[in-house]
Amino acid sequence: MEKRPYGKTDMQVSVLGFGGAEIGFQNTSEKDVELLLGSALETGLNVIDTAECYADSEALIGRTMANRRQEYYLFTKCGHAAGMNGPDWEPKMLSEQIDRSLRRLQTDYVDVIHLHSCSEDILKQGDVIDVLQRAKEAGKTRYIGYSGDGSAALWAVGSGLFDSLETSVNIADQEAIELTIPKAVEQGMGVIAKRPIANAAWVTGALPGSEYARPYWHRLQALDYDFLKWDAGDSIAHALRFTLSVEGVDTAIVGTAKPGRYRQNAEMTAKGILPPAEYEAIRERWHAVAKPDWVGLS
């Protein structure tokens, strides 16, 4: 699998990474997680991304993959109390939460800790950034980052305080392509595309049951890209290749709880990025149809 430099860090990341939300929220068994992540590593994946609030995702990754820790870069996110004492974003809670993540993941350090979609106001206060910087100084994380969208992400990028940006970008969510990603590249930040296939919101032909995916469904009804009518596998591959074609994107994290699915996802990247004309057609359609309130979705 293709590897790309991750900003100005020393990491060379696989273009396709693993997002750990589904395995936590879907109560995936340890056996299935071990099969899923084991096969992903064998296909060339080297990025595993999770978060403090993805149910027991961190613990599942730790129990199944700690013995292979040197084979992948490990990213997590922090900030929502998610069972900790204290409110979201409280510095003492946040510091303790980082330690809890390390225990769950069964590791002494992660490669990146991202602040998990905190507001611009909280960022500007500086306390949460101080906690991450102290964690970095203590060797608990190699790099620090911000995960989110819109004005908060723009402030985080402009601050020059972060090494990494994790942001939503896909065929139905293109604000970051102009708002933040170019500036992140200028700052030398690594860039992770989250939600890179727009939750495949179109594939069933009906409004998704998940409220999380519904905004993309409505946007895609208006965008009406021709390739959405293709076979599901081909249309998803095209959407993923679009996201990987965005200049500045280093890796795209795709989540699944099905052991055989990651190998299929990896095969979707085999053709590389889209030809320029096909990429520009999607961008032109977005500019023609997108409404002012079609902002990045966290």
Protein backbone atom coordinates (compact mmCIF):
# COMPACT_ATOMS: atom_id res chain seq x y z
CA MET A 1 0.00 0.00 0.00
CA GLU A 2 1.22 3.48 -0.85
CA LYS A 3 2.86 5.43 1.99
CA ARG A 4 2.93 9.22 2.27
CA PRO A 5 5.01 11.54 4.48
CA TYR A 6 2.94 12.78 7.43
CA GLY A 7 3.59 16.50 7.35
CA LYS A 8 6.96 17.37 8.87
CA THR A 9 6.88 14.43 11.28
CA ASP A 10 9.14 11.40 10.87
CA MET A 11 6.18 9.19 9.97
CA GLN A 12 5.44 7.60 6.60
CA VAL A 13 1.76 6.67 6.81
CA SER A 14 -0.34 4.29 4.76
CA VAL A 15 -2.86 6.14 2.59
CA LEU A 16 -5.60 4.07 4.19
CA GLY A 17 -5.86 3.96 7.96
CA PHE A 18 -8.24 2.26 10.36
CA GLY A 19 -10.88 4.20 12.30
CA GLY A 20 -11.85 2.58 15.58
CA ALA A 21 -15.36 3.93 16.22
CA GLU A 22 -17.35 1.00 14.81
CA ILE A 23 -15.56 -1.72 16.75
CA GLY A 24 -16.38 0.11 19.96
CA PHE A 25 -19.96 1.07 19.27
CA GLN A 26 -20.91 -2.28 17.70
CA ASN A 27 -19.61 -4.41 20.58
CA THR A 28 -17.24 -6.25 18.27
CA SER A 29 -15.66 -9.35 19.77
CA GLU A 30 -11.94 -9.50 20.53
CA LYS A 31 -11.63 -12.36 18.06
CA ASP A 32 -13.11 -10.30 15.24
CA VAL A 33 -11.00 -7.26 16.12
CA GLU A 34 -7.86 -9.37 16.10
CA LEU A 35 -8.77 -10.83 12.70
CA LEU A 36 -9.74 -7.43 11.32
CA LEU A 37 -6.67 -5.52 12.47
CA GLY A 38 -4.32 -8.43 11.81
CA SER A 39 -5.43 -8.64 8.18
CA ALA A 40 -5.26 -4.84 7.89
CA LEU A 41 -1.62 -4.84 9.01
CA GLU A 42 -0.88 -7.59 6.53
CA THR A 43 -2.26 -5.45 3.66
CA GLY A 44 0.09 -2.62 4.56
CA LEU A 45 -1.97 -0.49 6.95
CA ASN A 46 0.12 1.28 9.56
CA VAL A 47 -2.32 3.83 11.06
CA ILE A 48 -4.86 2.98 13.75
CA ASP A 49 -7.02 5.87 14.99
CA THR A 50 -9.41 5.75 17.94
CA ALA A 51 -10.80 8.01 20.68
CA GLU A 52 -11.66 8.32 24.34
CA CYS A 53 -15.42 8.17 23.69
CA TYR A 54 -15.67 5.26 21.24
CA ALA A 55 -17.02 2.90 23.93
CA ASP A 56 -14.38 0.18 24.49
CA SER A 57 -12.52 0.75 21.22
CA GLU A 58 -9.26 1.70 22.92
CA ALA A 59 -9.39 -1.35 25.18
CA LEU A 60 -10.15 -3.70 22.27
CA ILE A 61 -7.19 -2.35 20.31
CA GLY A 62 -4.96 -2.70 23.34
CA ARG A 63 -5.99 -6.26 24.12
CA THR A 64 -5.60 -7.46 20.54
CA MET A 65 -2.76 -5.40 19.06
CA ALA A 66 -0.43 -4.44 21.93
CA ASN A 67 1.88 -7.32 21.00
CA ARG A 68 2.28 -5.78 17.51
CA ARG A 69 2.73 -2.18 18.67
CA GLN A 70 5.84 -1.54 16.56
CA GLU A 71 3.96 -2.33 13.35
CA TYR A 72 1.64 0.68 13.36
CA TYR A 73 1.25 4.31 14.31
CA LEU A 74 -1.33 4.76 17.04
CA PHE A 75 -3.51 7.87 17.22
CA THR A 76 -6.18 8.66 19.80
CA LYS A 77 -8.34 11.62 20.74
CA CYS A 78 -9.21 13.19 24.09
CA GLY A 79 -11.39 15.78 25.75
CA HIS A 80 -14.89 14.36 26.29
CA ALA A 81 -15.12 13.08 29.85
CA ALA A 82 -16.52 9.72 28.67
CA GLY A 83 -16.76 8.17 32.13
CA MET A 84 -14.07 10.27 33.80
CA ASN A 85 -14.71 12.51 36.81
CA GLY A 86 -15.11 16.14 35.84
CA PRO A 87 -16.60 18.04 32.90
CA ASP A 88 -15.43 17.88 29.30
CA TRP A 89 -12.19 19.79 28.66
CA GLU A 90 -11.32 20.26 32.35
CA PRO A 91 -7.48 20.13 32.43
CA LYS A 92 -7.12 17.73 35.39
CA MET A 93 -9.63 15.34 33.86
CA LEU A 94 -7.93 15.62 30.50
CA SER A 95 -4.53 14.75 31.94
CA GLU A 96 -5.96 11.72 33.74
CA GLN A 97 -7.81 10.70 30.60
CA ILE A 98 -4.60 10.57 28.59
CA ASP A 99 -3.18 8.18 31.17
CA ARG A 100 -6.34 6.09 30.98
CA SER A 101 -6.03 5.89 27.19
CA LEU A 102 -2.46 4.62 27.51
CA ARG A 103 -3.59 1.95 29.99
CA ARG A 104 -6.45 0.90 27.75
CA LEU A 105 -4.22 0.77 24.68
CA GLN A 106 -1.55 -1.11 26.68
CA THR A 107 1.24 1.17 25.52
CA ASP A 108 3.63 3.71 27.02
CA TYR A 109 2.98 6.25 24.28
CA VAL A 110 0.84 7.08 21.28
CA ASP A 111 2.11 8.72 18.12
CA VAL A 112 -0.50 11.49 18.09
CA ILE A 113 -3.09 12.73 20.59
CA HIS A 114 -5.77 14.95 19.06
CA LEU A 115 -8.06 17.30 20.94
CA HIS A 116 -11.46 15.91 20.03
CA SER A 117 -13.58 18.65 18.42
CA CYS A 118 -13.34 21.21 21.18
CA SER A 119 -14.58 24.72 20.45
CA GLU A 120 -12.56 27.69 19.31
CA ASP A 121 -13.23 29.41 22.63
CA ILE A 122 -11.77 26.49 24.58
CA LEU A 123 -8.75 26.35 22.29
CA LYS A 124 -8.08 30.05 22.81
CA GLN A 125 -8.05 29.64 26.60
CA GLY A 126 -4.95 27.50 26.15
CA ASP A 127 -5.37 25.10 29.09
CA VAL A 128 -6.19 22.05 26.99
CA ILE A 129 -3.26 22.72 24.69
CA ASP A 130 -0.97 22.99 27.72
CA VAL A 131 -2.10 19.54 28.86
CA LEU A 132 -1.18 18.03 25.48
CA GLN A 133 2.16 19.82 25.41
CA ARG A 134 3.00 18.45 28.86
CA ALA A 135 2.02 14.96 27.71
CA LYS A 136 4.37 15.38 24.77
CA GLU A 137 7.20 16.54 27.03
CA ALA A 138 6.59 13.50 29.27
CA GLY A 139 6.88 11.11 26.31
CA LYS A 140 3.23 10.04 26.45
CA THR A 141 2.72 11.20 22.87
CA ARG A 142 5.16 11.98 20.10
CA TYR A 143 2.97 14.62 18.46
CA ILE A 144 -0.16 16.62 19.27
CA GLY A 145 -3.06 17.50 17.03
CA TYR A 146 -6.56 18.88 16.62
CA SER A 147 -9.52 16.88 15.33
CA GLY A 148 -12.44 18.92 14.06
CA ASP A 149 -13.77 21.27 11.45
CA GLY A 150 -14.76 24.84 10.68
CA SER A 151 -13.54 27.90 12.56
CA ALA A 152 -12.08 25.90 15.45
CA ALA A 153 -9.96 23.83 13.07
CA LEU A 154 -8.92 27.00 11.27
CA TRP A 155 -7.78 28.56 14.56
CA ALA A 156 -5.91 25.39 15.53
CA VAL A 157 -4.09 25.32 12.20
CA GLY A 158 -3.24 29.02 12.35
CA SER A 159 -1.94 28.80 15.92
CA GLY A 160 1.16 26.89 14.86
CA LEU A 161 0.87 24.80 18.03
CA PHE A 162 -0.19 21.50 16.48
CA ASP A 163 1.55 18.83 14.44
CA SER A 164 -1.58 17.15 13.06
CA LEU A 165 -5.06 17.94 11.74
CA GLU A 166 -7.86 15.38 11.54
CA THR A 167 -10.80 16.78 9.60
CA SER A 168 -13.83 15.67 7.60
CA VAL A 169 -13.38 15.62 3.83
CA ASN A 170 -15.25 13.62 1.20
CA ILE A 171 -17.51 13.95 -1.84
CA ALA A 172 -20.26 15.50 0.34
CA ASP A 173 -18.03 17.49 2.71
CA GLN A 174 -15.51 19.70 0.91
CA GLU A 175 -15.21 22.82 3.07
CA ALA A 176 -11.81 21.79 4.43
CA ILE A 177 -10.30 21.54 0.93
CA GLU A 178 -10.19 25.33 0.83
CA LEU A 179 -10.61 26.40 4.46
CA THR A 180 -8.00 24.45 6.41
CA ILE A 181 -6.06 21.80 4.50
CA PRO A 182 -3.91 24.18 2.40
CA LYS A 183 -3.01 26.15 5.54
CA ALA A 184 -2.20 22.93 7.40
CA VAL A 185 0.17 21.97 4.59
CA GLU A 186 1.84 25.39 4.85
CA GLN A 187 2.32 24.77 8.58
CA GLY A 188 3.88 21.37 7.92
CA MET A 189 1.03 19.52 9.65
CA GLY A 190 0.06 15.97 8.86
CA VAL A 191 -3.53 15.69 7.61
CA ILE A 192 -5.97 12.85 8.29
CA ALA A 193 -9.21 12.68 6.34
CA LYS A 194 -12.01 11.36 8.52
CA ARG A 195 -15.36 10.22 7.11
CA PRO A 196 -13.61 9.80 3.72
CA ILE A 197 -16.45 7.89 2.05
CA ALA A 198 -19.24 10.10 3.43
CA ASN A 199 -20.48 7.15 5.48
CA ALA A 200 -21.48 5.51 2.16
CA ALA A 201 -24.78 7.28 2.79
CA TRP A 202 -26.09 6.65 -0.72
CA VAL A 203 -25.55 2.92 -1.16
CA THR A 204 -28.90 1.61 0.10
CA GLY A 205 -30.89 4.12 -1.95
CA ALA A 206 -32.84 5.12 1.17
CA LEU A 207 -32.44 7.60 4.00
CA PRO A 208 -29.85 6.07 6.40
CA GLY A 209 -31.05 4.88 9.76
CA SER A 210 -28.07 6.58 11.42
CA GLU A 211 -28.62 10.26 12.11
CA TYR A 212 -24.83 10.64 11.78
CA ALA A 213 -25.03 9.87 8.05
CA ARG A 214 -28.25 11.67 7.19
CA PRO A 215 -26.79 15.11 6.39
CA TYR A 216 -24.62 13.45 3.74
CA TRP A 217 -27.64 11.65 2.29
CA HIS A 218 -29.45 14.95 1.82
CA ARG A 219 -26.40 16.64 0.30
CA LEU A 220 -25.83 13.76 -2.10
CA GLN A 221 -29.42 13.88 -3.29
CA ALA A 222 -28.71 17.41 -4.49
CA LEU A 223 -25.19 16.72 -5.77
CA ASP A 224 -26.46 13.72 -7.76
CA TYR A 225 -23.03 12.61 -8.97
CA ASP A 226 -23.22 10.13 -11.86
CA PHE A 227 -20.97 7.61 -10.12
CA LEU A 228 -23.41 7.25 -7.22
CA LYS A 229 -25.49 5.11 -9.58
CA TRP A 230 -22.66 2.62 -10.12
CA ASP A 231 -22.31 -0.70 -8.35
CA ALA A 232 -21.87 -0.02 -4.62
CA GLY A 233 -18.26 -1.21 -4.50
CA ASP A 234 -17.25 0.85 -7.50
CA SER A 235 -18.98 4.00 -6.28
CA ILE A 236 -17.43 3.71 -2.82
CA ALA A 237 -14.00 3.19 -4.39
CA HIS A 238 -14.47 6.30 -6.53
CA ALA A 239 -15.49 8.34 -3.50
CA LEU A 240 -12.49 7.12 -1.52
CA ARG A 241 -10.11 7.86 -4.40
CA PHE A 242 -11.53 11.40 -4.54
CA THR A 243 -10.63 11.99 -0.90
CA LEU A 244 -7.15 10.59 -1.41
CA SER A 245 -6.77 12.92 -4.40
CA VAL A 246 -7.16 16.03 -2.23
CA GLU A 247 -3.78 17.75 -2.11
CA GLY A 248 -2.45 17.64 1.43
CA VAL A 249 -4.35 14.57 2.63
CA ASP A 250 -1.84 12.04 3.94
CA THR A 251 -4.11 9.25 5.14
CA ALA A 252 -7.85 8.52 5.17
CA ILE A 253 -9.31 6.56 8.06
CA VAL A 254 -12.11 4.13 7.29
CA GLY A 255 -13.95 2.28 10.01
CA THR A 256 -15.47 -1.17 9.88
CA ALA A 257 -16.28 -3.95 12.31
CA LYS A 258 -16.24 -6.74 9.69
CA PRO A 259 -13.03 -8.83 9.61
CA GLY A 260 -12.88 -9.20 5.82
CA ARG A 261 -13.81 -5.63 4.94
CA TYR A 262 -10.47 -3.94 5.40
CA ARG A 263 -8.78 -5.98 2.71
CA GLN A 264 -11.58 -4.92 0.35
CA ASN A 265 -11.08 -1.29 1.36
CA ALA A 266 -7.37 -1.58 0.67
CA GLU A 267 -8.06 -2.91 -2.82
CA MET A 268 -10.06 0.25 -3.53
CA THR A 269 -6.89 2.32 -3.31
CA ALA A 270 -4.94 0.16 -5.79
CA LYS A 271 -5.73 2.45 -8.75
CA GLY A 272 -4.34 5.46 -6.93
CA ILE A 273 -5.79 8.94 -7.07
CA LEU A 274 -8.42 10.01 -9.59
CA PRO A 275 -7.41 11.39 -12.98
CA PRO A 276 -7.43 15.22 -12.78
CA ALA A 277 -10.51 15.58 -14.99
CA GLU A 278 -12.58 13.25 -12.78
CA TYR A 279 -11.42 14.98 -9.60
CA GLU A 280 -12.22 18.42 -11.02
CA ALA A 281 -15.68 17.26 -12.14
CA ILE A 282 -16.55 16.44 -8.52
CA ARG A 283 -15.13 19.76 -7.32
CA GLU A 284 -17.05 21.69 -9.98
CA ARG A 285 -20.30 19.98 -9.08
CA TRP A 286 -19.72 20.85 -5.43
CA HIS A 287 -19.13 24.51 -6.24
CA ALA A 288 -22.27 24.59 -8.38
CA VAL A 289 -24.58 22.96 -5.83
CA ALA A 290 -23.21 23.31 -2.29
CA LYS A 291 -25.18 25.58 0.03
CA PRO A 292 -23.55 28.03 2.46
CA ASP A 293 -24.53 25.87 5.43
CA TRP A 294 -22.82 22.75 4.03
CA VAL A 295 -19.99 23.09 6.50
CA GLY A 296 -17.62 20.40 7.72
CA LEU A 297 -19.33 17.78 9.87
CA SER A 298 -17.49 16.46 12.92
